[in-house]
Amino acid sequence: MIKAIIGLGNPGSQYAKTRHNIGFRILDALAQANGASWRSEDNRESAQIMLHDKPVLLIKPTTYMNLSGKVIPALTKKGIQPEEILVVHDELELPFGQIKIKQGGSAKGHNGLKSIIEHGGPEFYRLRFGIGRPDNKEEVPDYVLSNFKESNEELDRLIDQALGEIESLIKQ
């Protein structure tokens, strides 16, 4: 059972619409859809929602992507185990708009996932939101920190699709 959802991203308005911040955007949409508001805590913003009569804690780390795992000890103190966590993140290895959920695995070069794994192990669930990848490997850092080129309407549709996937996972 999923008890916490961590959306990966970077704090600050300059990053809000970047590919790397899709985790934050999906969690913002989930909080809004459930009438929740965010509160600031150490290293994170959090919100509490109910999904299918189950309490779910939403977390947006405010430590920047590479240190996202710093939120894990706070979840562990609440008795939340890694296999009860869903991490929502951008995925270079999937074509734009493809959404997949899986449990476990490696970081595959994603520094946010690397940090989560360092602090809590690899057994968490992941919602992988495909952003595609640039042709040239050297362009990856700039690519993930650039804004989506797709329309807001298309992104909103895909975010809604991601919310549906989250609901299905929570329902299980």
N, C-alpha and C. Protein backbone atom coordinates (compact mmCIF):
# COMPACT_ATOMS: atom_id res chain seq x y z
N MET A 1 0.84 -1.19 0.00
CA MET A 1 0.00 0.00 0.00
C MET A 1 0.88 1.25 0.00
N ILE A 2 0.60 2.17 -0.88
CA ILE A 2 1.37 3.41 -0.98
C ILE A 2 0.90 4.37 0.12
N LYS A 3 1.86 4.83 0.93
CA LYS A 3 1.55 5.77 2.01
C LYS A 3 2.13 7.15 1.75
N ALA A 4 3.11 7.24 0.85
CA ALA A 4 3.74 8.53 0.54
C ALA A 4 4.09 8.57 -0.94
N ILE A 5 3.94 9.76 -1.52
CA ILE A 5 4.34 9.99 -2.91
C ILE A 5 5.32 11.15 -2.91
N ILE A 6 6.49 10.91 -3.46
CA ILE A 6 7.53 11.93 -3.58
C ILE A 6 7.60 12.36 -5.03
N GLY A 7 7.42 13.64 -5.30
CA GLY A 7 7.59 14.18 -6.63
C GLY A 7 8.98 14.80 -6.73
N LEU A 8 9.74 14.43 -7.75
CA LEU A 8 11.09 14.99 -7.88
C LEU A 8 11.08 16.25 -8.74
N GLY A 9 11.92 17.19 -8.34
CA GLY A 9 12.04 18.46 -9.05
C GLY A 9 13.03 19.35 -8.32
N ASN A 10 13.13 20.57 -8.80
CA ASN A 10 13.98 21.58 -8.18
C ASN A 10 13.11 22.74 -7.73
N PRO A 11 13.39 23.29 -6.54
CA PRO A 11 12.60 24.44 -6.08
C PRO A 11 12.95 25.70 -6.87
N GLY A 12 12.02 26.64 -6.93
CA GLY A 12 12.28 27.91 -7.59
C GLY A 12 11.52 28.06 -8.89
N SER A 13 11.04 29.26 -9.13
CA SER A 13 10.22 29.52 -10.32
C SER A 13 10.98 29.30 -11.63
N GLN A 14 12.30 29.46 -11.63
CA GLN A 14 13.07 29.28 -12.86
C GLN A 14 13.06 27.83 -13.33
N TYR A 15 12.72 26.88 -12.44
CA TYR A 15 12.68 25.46 -12.80
C TYR A 15 11.26 24.93 -12.99
N ALA A 16 10.26 25.71 -12.65
CA ALA A 16 8.87 25.23 -12.56
C ALA A 16 8.38 24.50 -13.80
N LYS A 17 8.74 24.96 -14.98
CA LYS A 17 8.20 24.36 -16.22
C LYS A 17 9.20 23.47 -16.94
N THR A 18 10.29 23.09 -16.26
CA THR A 18 11.31 22.26 -16.90
C THR A 18 10.90 20.79 -16.89
N ARG A 19 11.55 20.04 -17.76
CA ARG A 19 11.30 18.60 -17.85
C ARG A 19 11.62 17.91 -16.51
N HIS A 20 12.68 18.35 -15.86
CA HIS A 20 13.12 17.74 -14.61
C HIS A 20 12.08 17.94 -13.50
N ASN A 21 11.17 18.88 -13.65
CA ASN A 21 10.20 19.20 -12.60
C ASN A 21 8.83 18.56 -12.80
N ILE A 22 8.72 17.60 -13.69
CA ILE A 22 7.42 17.00 -13.93
C ILE A 22 6.88 16.32 -12.66
N GLY A 23 7.76 15.82 -11.81
CA GLY A 23 7.31 15.22 -10.55
C GLY A 23 6.59 16.22 -9.66
N PHE A 24 7.15 17.44 -9.57
CA PHE A 24 6.49 18.51 -8.80
C PHE A 24 5.14 18.85 -9.44
N ARG A 25 5.11 18.96 -10.76
CA ARG A 25 3.88 19.36 -11.45
C ARG A 25 2.77 18.33 -11.25
N ILE A 26 3.13 17.06 -11.30
CA ILE A 26 2.13 16.01 -11.10
C ILE A 26 1.62 16.04 -9.66
N LEU A 27 2.51 16.24 -8.69
CA LEU A 27 2.06 16.32 -7.29
C LEU A 27 1.22 17.56 -7.04
N ASP A 28 1.57 18.67 -7.67
CA ASP A 28 0.75 19.88 -7.54
C ASP A 28 -0.67 19.61 -8.05
N ALA A 29 -0.78 18.92 -9.18
CA ALA A 29 -2.09 18.60 -9.75
C ALA A 29 -2.86 17.64 -8.83
N LEU A 30 -2.15 16.69 -8.23
CA LEU A 30 -2.78 15.74 -7.32
C LEU A 30 -3.29 16.44 -6.06
N ALA A 31 -2.48 17.34 -5.52
CA ALA A 31 -2.90 18.11 -4.34
C ALA A 31 -4.11 18.97 -4.67
N GLN A 32 -4.06 19.65 -5.80
CA GLN A 32 -5.16 20.53 -6.20
C GLN A 32 -6.45 19.73 -6.42
N ALA A 33 -6.35 18.58 -7.07
CA ALA A 33 -7.52 17.75 -7.34
C ALA A 33 -8.17 17.24 -6.06
N ASN A 34 -7.38 17.19 -4.98
CA ASN A 34 -7.88 16.68 -3.71
C ASN A 34 -8.04 17.76 -2.65
N GLY A 35 -7.97 19.03 -3.08
CA GLY A 35 -8.20 20.15 -2.18
C GLY A 35 -7.18 20.30 -1.07
N ALA A 36 -5.97 19.82 -1.30
CA ALA A 36 -4.92 19.90 -0.28
C ALA A 36 -4.05 21.14 -0.50
N SER A 37 -3.49 21.63 0.58
CA SER A 37 -2.55 22.76 0.47
C SER A 37 -1.19 22.31 1.01
N TRP A 38 -0.17 22.96 0.49
CA TRP A 38 1.21 22.62 0.84
C TRP A 38 1.65 23.36 2.09
N ARG A 39 2.46 22.70 2.90
CA ARG A 39 3.10 23.37 4.05
C ARG A 39 4.60 23.08 4.00
N SER A 40 5.38 24.06 4.38
CA SER A 40 6.84 23.92 4.37
C SER A 40 7.32 23.25 5.64
N GLU A 41 8.21 22.29 5.47
CA GLU A 41 8.87 21.61 6.58
C GLU A 41 10.35 21.53 6.24
N ASP A 42 11.13 20.91 7.12
CA ASP A 42 12.56 20.75 6.85
C ASP A 42 12.76 20.00 5.54
N ASN A 43 13.50 20.59 4.63
CA ASN A 43 13.90 19.95 3.37
C ASN A 43 12.75 19.56 2.45
N ARG A 44 11.52 20.03 2.72
CA ARG A 44 10.40 19.57 1.89
C ARG A 44 9.17 20.44 2.06
N GLU A 45 8.28 20.30 1.08
CA GLU A 45 6.91 20.77 1.21
C GLU A 45 6.07 19.51 1.27
N SER A 46 5.03 19.53 2.09
CA SER A 46 4.19 18.33 2.20
C SER A 46 2.72 18.71 2.22
N ALA A 47 1.90 17.74 1.84
CA ALA A 47 0.45 17.88 1.86
C ALA A 47 -0.13 16.50 2.15
N GLN A 48 -1.26 16.47 2.81
CA GLN A 48 -1.93 15.21 3.14
C GLN A 48 -3.21 15.12 2.33
N ILE A 49 -3.43 13.97 1.68
CA ILE A 49 -4.67 13.75 0.93
C ILE A 49 -5.25 12.39 1.31
N MET A 50 -6.48 12.18 0.91
CA MET A 50 -7.11 10.86 1.03
C MET A 50 -7.40 10.36 -0.38
N LEU A 51 -6.93 9.16 -0.69
CA LEU A 51 -7.21 8.51 -1.97
C LEU A 51 -7.79 7.14 -1.68
N HIS A 52 -8.99 6.90 -2.16
CA HIS A 52 -9.67 5.63 -1.92
C HIS A 52 -9.70 5.29 -0.43
N ASP A 53 -10.05 6.30 0.37
CA ASP A 53 -10.15 6.18 1.84
C ASP A 53 -8.84 5.82 2.51
N LYS A 54 -7.72 6.10 1.84
CA LYS A 54 -6.41 5.85 2.42
C LYS A 54 -5.65 7.17 2.53
N PRO A 55 -5.05 7.46 3.69
CA PRO A 55 -4.26 8.68 3.80
C PRO A 55 -2.95 8.53 3.02
N VAL A 56 -2.63 9.56 2.23
CA VAL A 56 -1.41 9.56 1.44
C VAL A 56 -0.70 10.89 1.66
N LEU A 57 0.58 10.82 2.01
CA LEU A 57 1.40 12.00 2.22
C LEU A 57 2.10 12.35 0.92
N LEU A 58 1.95 13.60 0.49
CA LEU A 58 2.64 14.09 -0.71
C LEU A 58 3.87 14.87 -0.27
N ILE A 59 4.99 14.64 -0.94
CA ILE A 59 6.26 15.28 -0.57
C ILE A 59 6.93 15.85 -1.82
N LYS A 60 7.33 17.13 -1.73
CA LYS A 60 8.18 17.73 -2.74
C LYS A 60 9.47 18.16 -2.03
N PRO A 61 10.59 17.44 -2.27
CA PRO A 61 11.86 17.83 -1.64
C PRO A 61 12.27 19.24 -2.09
N THR A 62 12.77 20.04 -1.17
CA THR A 62 13.21 21.40 -1.51
C THR A 62 14.74 21.51 -1.46
N THR A 63 15.40 20.37 -1.58
CA THR A 63 16.86 20.29 -1.47
C THR A 63 17.57 20.34 -2.81
N TYR A 64 16.83 20.51 -3.90
CA TYR A 64 17.32 20.35 -5.26
C TYR A 64 17.47 18.87 -5.56
N MET A 65 17.38 18.55 -6.82
CA MET A 65 17.27 17.17 -7.30
C MET A 65 18.31 16.23 -6.70
N ASN A 66 19.58 16.63 -6.71
CA ASN A 66 20.66 15.72 -6.33
C ASN A 66 20.62 15.29 -4.87
N LEU A 67 19.84 15.99 -4.04
CA LEU A 67 19.76 15.66 -2.61
C LEU A 67 18.34 15.26 -2.20
N SER A 68 17.53 14.83 -3.16
CA SER A 68 16.13 14.50 -2.89
C SER A 68 15.95 13.46 -1.79
N GLY A 69 16.89 12.56 -1.66
CA GLY A 69 16.78 11.48 -0.67
C GLY A 69 16.80 11.95 0.78
N LYS A 70 17.15 13.21 1.01
CA LYS A 70 17.17 13.72 2.39
C LYS A 70 15.79 13.70 3.04
N VAL A 71 14.72 13.51 2.25
CA VAL A 71 13.37 13.43 2.83
C VAL A 71 13.07 12.03 3.38
N ILE A 72 13.83 11.04 3.01
CA ILE A 72 13.55 9.66 3.39
C ILE A 72 13.59 9.44 4.92
N PRO A 73 14.58 9.96 5.66
CA PRO A 73 14.57 9.74 7.11
C PRO A 73 13.29 10.23 7.80
N ALA A 74 12.70 11.33 7.33
CA ALA A 74 11.46 11.82 7.92
C ALA A 74 10.32 10.83 7.68
N LEU A 75 10.30 10.20 6.52
CA LEU A 75 9.28 9.19 6.22
C LEU A 75 9.50 7.93 7.05
N THR A 76 10.76 7.53 7.20
CA THR A 76 11.09 6.36 8.01
C THR A 76 10.64 6.58 9.45
N LYS A 77 10.83 7.79 9.98
CA LYS A 77 10.38 8.10 11.35
C LYS A 77 8.87 7.97 11.49
N LYS A 78 8.13 8.17 10.40
CA LYS A 78 6.67 8.03 10.42
C LYS A 78 6.25 6.57 10.20
N GLY A 79 7.23 5.68 10.10
CA GLY A 79 6.94 4.26 9.90
C GLY A 79 6.66 3.88 8.46
N ILE A 80 6.99 4.75 7.52
CA ILE A 80 6.76 4.48 6.10
C ILE A 80 8.00 3.79 5.52
N GLN A 81 7.77 2.60 4.99
CA GLN A 81 8.85 1.79 4.42
C GLN A 81 9.05 2.12 2.94
N PRO A 82 10.24 1.85 2.39
CA PRO A 82 10.50 2.15 0.98
C PRO A 82 9.46 1.56 0.02
N GLU A 83 8.98 0.35 0.28
CA GLU A 83 8.00 -0.28 -0.61
C GLU A 83 6.61 0.34 -0.48
N GLU A 84 6.45 1.33 0.41
CA GLU A 84 5.20 2.07 0.57
C GLU A 84 5.30 3.48 -0.02
N ILE A 85 6.37 3.70 -0.78
CA ILE A 85 6.65 5.02 -1.37
C ILE A 85 6.57 4.93 -2.89
N LEU A 86 5.94 5.93 -3.49
CA LEU A 86 5.93 6.09 -4.94
C LEU A 86 6.72 7.36 -5.25
N VAL A 87 7.71 7.26 -6.12
CA VAL A 87 8.50 8.41 -6.55
C VAL A 87 8.09 8.75 -7.98
N VAL A 88 7.70 10.00 -8.21
CA VAL A 88 7.27 10.46 -9.53
C VAL A 88 8.42 11.27 -10.13
N HIS A 89 8.88 10.86 -11.31
CA HIS A 89 10.07 11.52 -11.89
C HIS A 89 10.06 11.50 -13.40
N ASP A 90 10.90 12.35 -13.97
CA ASP A 90 11.13 12.39 -15.41
C ASP A 90 12.00 11.19 -15.80
N GLU A 91 11.78 10.69 -17.01
CA GLU A 91 12.51 9.52 -17.48
C GLU A 91 13.02 9.72 -18.90
N LEU A 92 14.34 9.84 -19.04
CA LEU A 92 14.98 10.00 -20.35
C LEU A 92 14.81 8.77 -21.24
N GLU A 93 14.72 7.60 -20.63
CA GLU A 93 14.70 6.34 -21.39
C GLU A 93 13.35 6.02 -22.02
N LEU A 94 12.33 6.81 -21.72
CA LEU A 94 11.01 6.61 -22.32
C LEU A 94 10.71 7.75 -23.28
N PRO A 95 10.03 7.46 -24.40
CA PRO A 95 9.63 8.53 -25.32
C PRO A 95 8.72 9.53 -24.61
N PHE A 96 8.70 10.75 -25.09
CA PHE A 96 7.87 11.78 -24.48
C PHE A 96 6.43 11.29 -24.32
N GLY A 97 5.90 11.48 -23.12
CA GLY A 97 4.50 11.19 -22.86
C GLY A 97 4.19 9.77 -22.43
N GLN A 98 5.17 8.87 -22.58
CA GLN A 98 4.92 7.50 -22.12
C GLN A 98 5.05 7.47 -20.60
N ILE A 99 4.10 6.80 -19.94
CA ILE A 99 4.08 6.75 -18.48
C ILE A 99 4.07 5.29 -18.07
N LYS A 100 4.99 4.93 -17.17
CA LYS A 100 5.08 3.55 -16.69
C LYS A 100 5.30 3.56 -15.19
N ILE A 101 4.69 2.58 -14.54
CA ILE A 101 4.92 2.38 -13.10
C ILE A 101 5.68 1.08 -12.94
N LYS A 102 6.68 1.09 -12.08
CA LYS A 102 7.42 -0.13 -11.76
C LYS A 102 7.92 -0.03 -10.33
N GLN A 103 8.29 -1.17 -9.78
CA GLN A 103 8.88 -1.18 -8.45
C GLN A 103 10.32 -1.61 -8.56
N GLY A 104 11.18 -0.93 -7.78
CA GLY A 104 12.59 -1.29 -7.72
C GLY A 104 13.35 -0.88 -8.97
N GLY A 105 14.62 -1.21 -8.97
CA GLY A 105 15.48 -0.90 -10.11
C GLY A 105 16.61 0.03 -9.73
N SER A 106 17.37 0.41 -10.72
CA SER A 106 18.52 1.27 -10.50
C SER A 106 18.16 2.72 -10.82
N ALA A 107 19.11 3.61 -10.58
CA ALA A 107 18.91 5.04 -10.84
C ALA A 107 19.08 5.37 -12.32
N LYS A 108 19.81 4.55 -13.07
CA LYS A 108 20.09 4.80 -14.49
C LYS A 108 20.57 6.23 -14.75
N GLY A 109 21.43 6.74 -13.87
CA GLY A 109 22.01 8.06 -14.07
C GLY A 109 21.16 9.21 -13.57
N HIS A 110 19.94 8.94 -13.07
CA HIS A 110 19.06 10.01 -12.56
C HIS A 110 19.51 10.34 -11.14
N ASN A 111 20.05 11.55 -10.95
CA ASN A 111 20.62 11.91 -9.65
C ASN A 111 19.59 11.97 -8.52
N GLY A 112 18.36 12.33 -8.83
CA GLY A 112 17.32 12.33 -7.80
C GLY A 112 17.04 10.92 -7.30
N LEU A 113 16.92 9.98 -8.25
CA LEU A 113 16.71 8.58 -7.87
C LEU A 113 17.92 8.03 -7.12
N LYS A 114 19.11 8.41 -7.57
CA LYS A 114 20.34 7.96 -6.91
C LYS A 114 20.32 8.36 -5.43
N SER A 115 19.90 9.58 -5.16
CA SER A 115 19.83 10.08 -3.78
C SER A 115 18.77 9.33 -2.98
N ILE A 116 17.61 9.08 -3.57
CA ILE A 116 16.55 8.33 -2.88
C ILE A 116 17.06 6.93 -2.54
N ILE A 117 17.72 6.27 -3.49
CA ILE A 117 18.25 4.92 -3.27
C ILE A 117 19.31 4.93 -2.16
N GLU A 118 20.18 5.94 -2.15
CA GLU A 118 21.22 6.03 -1.12
C GLU A 118 20.61 6.11 0.28
N HIS A 119 19.49 6.80 0.40
CA HIS A 119 18.88 7.01 1.72
C HIS A 119 17.87 5.94 2.12
N GLY A 120 17.30 5.20 1.15
CA GLY A 120 16.25 4.26 1.52
C GLY A 120 16.26 2.94 0.79
N GLY A 121 17.20 2.75 -0.11
CA GLY A 121 17.22 1.52 -0.89
C GLY A 121 16.37 1.64 -2.14
N PRO A 122 16.41 0.60 -3.00
CA PRO A 122 15.77 0.68 -4.33
C PRO A 122 14.34 0.14 -4.42
N GLU A 123 13.73 -0.28 -3.32
CA GLU A 123 12.46 -1.02 -3.41
C GLU A 123 11.21 -0.17 -3.52
N PHE A 124 11.35 1.13 -3.70
CA PHE A 124 10.19 2.01 -3.85
C PHE A 124 9.58 1.84 -5.24
N TYR A 125 8.34 2.27 -5.36
CA TYR A 125 7.66 2.31 -6.67
C TYR A 125 8.08 3.58 -7.39
N ARG A 126 8.00 3.55 -8.70
CA ARG A 126 8.34 4.72 -9.52
C ARG A 126 7.24 4.94 -10.56
N LEU A 127 6.84 6.17 -10.71
CA LEU A 127 6.04 6.56 -11.86
C LEU A 127 7.02 7.29 -12.76
N ARG A 128 7.33 6.66 -13.89
CA ARG A 128 8.32 7.17 -14.83
C ARG A 128 7.57 7.92 -15.93
N PHE A 129 7.81 9.22 -16.03
CA PHE A 129 7.16 10.07 -17.03
C PHE A 129 8.17 10.33 -18.14
N GLY A 130 7.92 9.75 -19.31
CA GLY A 130 8.86 9.86 -20.42
C GLY A 130 9.02 11.28 -20.93
N ILE A 131 10.28 11.71 -21.01
CA ILE A 131 10.59 13.03 -21.58
C ILE A 131 11.43 12.89 -22.85
N GLY A 132 11.74 11.65 -23.25
CA GLY A 132 12.61 11.45 -24.40
C GLY A 132 14.04 11.83 -24.05
N ARG A 133 14.91 11.70 -25.00
CA ARG A 133 16.30 12.08 -24.75
C ARG A 133 16.86 12.78 -25.96
N PRO A 134 17.78 13.73 -25.72
CA PRO A 134 18.41 14.39 -26.86
C PRO A 134 19.34 13.42 -27.59
N ASP A 135 19.64 13.72 -28.85
CA ASP A 135 20.51 12.85 -29.64
C ASP A 135 21.92 12.78 -29.07
N ASN A 136 22.39 13.89 -28.54
CA ASN A 136 23.76 13.99 -28.05
C ASN A 136 23.76 13.87 -26.52
N LYS A 137 24.49 12.90 -25.99
CA LYS A 137 24.55 12.65 -24.54
C LYS A 137 25.01 13.88 -23.75
N GLU A 138 25.88 14.68 -24.34
CA GLU A 138 26.40 15.87 -23.65
C GLU A 138 25.31 16.92 -23.44
N GLU A 139 24.21 16.82 -24.18
CA GLU A 139 23.11 17.79 -24.07
C GLU A 139 22.14 17.47 -22.93
N VAL A 140 22.27 16.29 -22.30
CA VAL A 140 21.29 15.86 -21.29
C VAL A 140 21.12 16.88 -20.16
N PRO A 141 22.18 17.40 -19.52
CA PRO A 141 21.96 18.35 -18.41
C PRO A 141 21.13 19.58 -18.82
N ASP A 142 21.42 20.15 -19.98
CA ASP A 142 20.65 21.30 -20.45
C ASP A 142 19.24 20.89 -20.85
N TYR A 143 19.11 19.71 -21.43
CA TYR A 143 17.81 19.21 -21.89
C TYR A 143 16.83 19.05 -20.73
N VAL A 144 17.26 18.38 -19.66
CA VAL A 144 16.34 18.15 -18.54
C VAL A 144 15.98 19.44 -17.82
N LEU A 145 16.85 20.44 -17.90
CA LEU A 145 16.58 21.73 -17.24
C LEU A 145 15.95 22.75 -18.18
N SER A 146 15.55 22.29 -19.38
CA SER A 146 14.86 23.19 -20.30
C SER A 146 13.36 22.94 -20.21
N ASN A 147 12.59 23.95 -20.64
CA ASN A 147 11.14 23.85 -20.59
C ASN A 147 10.63 22.87 -21.65
N PHE A 148 9.48 22.27 -21.36
CA PHE A 148 8.83 21.42 -22.35
C PHE A 148 8.51 22.26 -23.58
N LYS A 149 8.62 21.66 -24.76
CA LYS A 149 8.26 22.32 -26.01
C LYS A 149 6.80 22.04 -26.38
N GLU A 150 6.24 21.01 -25.78
CA GLU A 150 4.87 20.59 -26.08
C GLU A 150 3.88 21.60 -25.50
N SER A 151 2.66 21.58 -26.01
CA SER A 151 1.64 22.53 -25.56
C SER A 151 1.20 22.25 -24.13
N ASN A 152 0.71 23.29 -23.47
CA ASN A 152 0.19 23.13 -22.11
C ASN A 152 -0.97 22.15 -22.10
N GLU A 153 -1.80 22.17 -23.15
CA GLU A 153 -2.94 21.26 -23.24
C GLU A 153 -2.47 19.81 -23.26
N GLU A 154 -1.43 19.53 -24.05
CA GLU A 154 -0.91 18.17 -24.12
C GLU A 154 -0.31 17.75 -22.78
N LEU A 155 0.45 18.64 -22.15
CA LEU A 155 1.02 18.33 -20.84
C LEU A 155 -0.07 18.09 -19.80
N ASP A 156 -1.11 18.93 -19.81
CA ASP A 156 -2.22 18.75 -18.86
C ASP A 156 -2.88 17.40 -19.06
N ARG A 157 -3.07 16.99 -20.30
CA ARG A 157 -3.67 15.68 -20.60
C ARG A 157 -2.80 14.55 -20.05
N LEU A 158 -1.48 14.66 -20.24
CA LEU A 158 -0.57 13.63 -19.76
C LEU A 158 -0.48 13.63 -18.24
N ILE A 159 -0.54 14.80 -17.62
CA ILE A 159 -0.55 14.87 -16.16
C ILE A 159 -1.82 14.20 -15.62
N ASP A 160 -2.95 14.44 -16.27
CA ASP A 160 -4.20 13.76 -15.89
C ASP A 160 -4.05 12.24 -16.02
N GLN A 161 -3.40 11.82 -17.08
CA GLN A 161 -3.16 10.39 -17.28
C GLN A 161 -2.30 9.83 -16.13
N ALA A 162 -1.26 10.58 -15.74
CA ALA A 162 -0.40 10.17 -14.63
C ALA A 162 -1.21 10.07 -13.33
N LEU A 163 -2.14 11.02 -13.12
CA LEU A 163 -2.98 10.97 -11.92
C LEU A 163 -3.84 9.70 -11.93
N GLY A 164 -4.33 9.32 -13.08
CA GLY A 164 -5.10 8.08 -13.20
C GLY A 164 -4.27 6.86 -12.85
N GLU A 165 -3.01 6.85 -13.28
CA GLU A 165 -2.10 5.75 -12.96
C GLU A 165 -1.85 5.68 -11.46
N ILE A 166 -1.69 6.84 -10.83
CA ILE A 166 -1.47 6.89 -9.38
C ILE A 166 -2.70 6.36 -8.66
N GLU A 167 -3.87 6.81 -9.08
CA GLU A 167 -5.13 6.34 -8.47
C GLU A 167 -5.24 4.83 -8.57
N SER A 168 -4.92 4.27 -9.73
CA SER A 168 -4.99 2.82 -9.92
C SER A 168 -4.05 2.08 -8.98
N LEU A 169 -2.85 2.61 -8.80
CA LEU A 169 -1.87 1.98 -7.91
C LEU A 169 -2.35 2.04 -6.46
N ILE A 170 -2.88 3.18 -6.04
CA ILE A 170 -3.36 3.36 -4.66
C ILE A 170 -4.56 2.43 -4.39
N LYS A 171 -5.39 2.23 -5.40
CA LYS A 171 -6.61 1.43 -5.26
C LYS A 171 -6.30 -0.04 -4.93
N GLN A 172 -5.15 -0.52 -5.39
CA GLN A 172 -4.79 -1.94 -5.21
C GLN A 172 -4.73 -2.35 -3.75
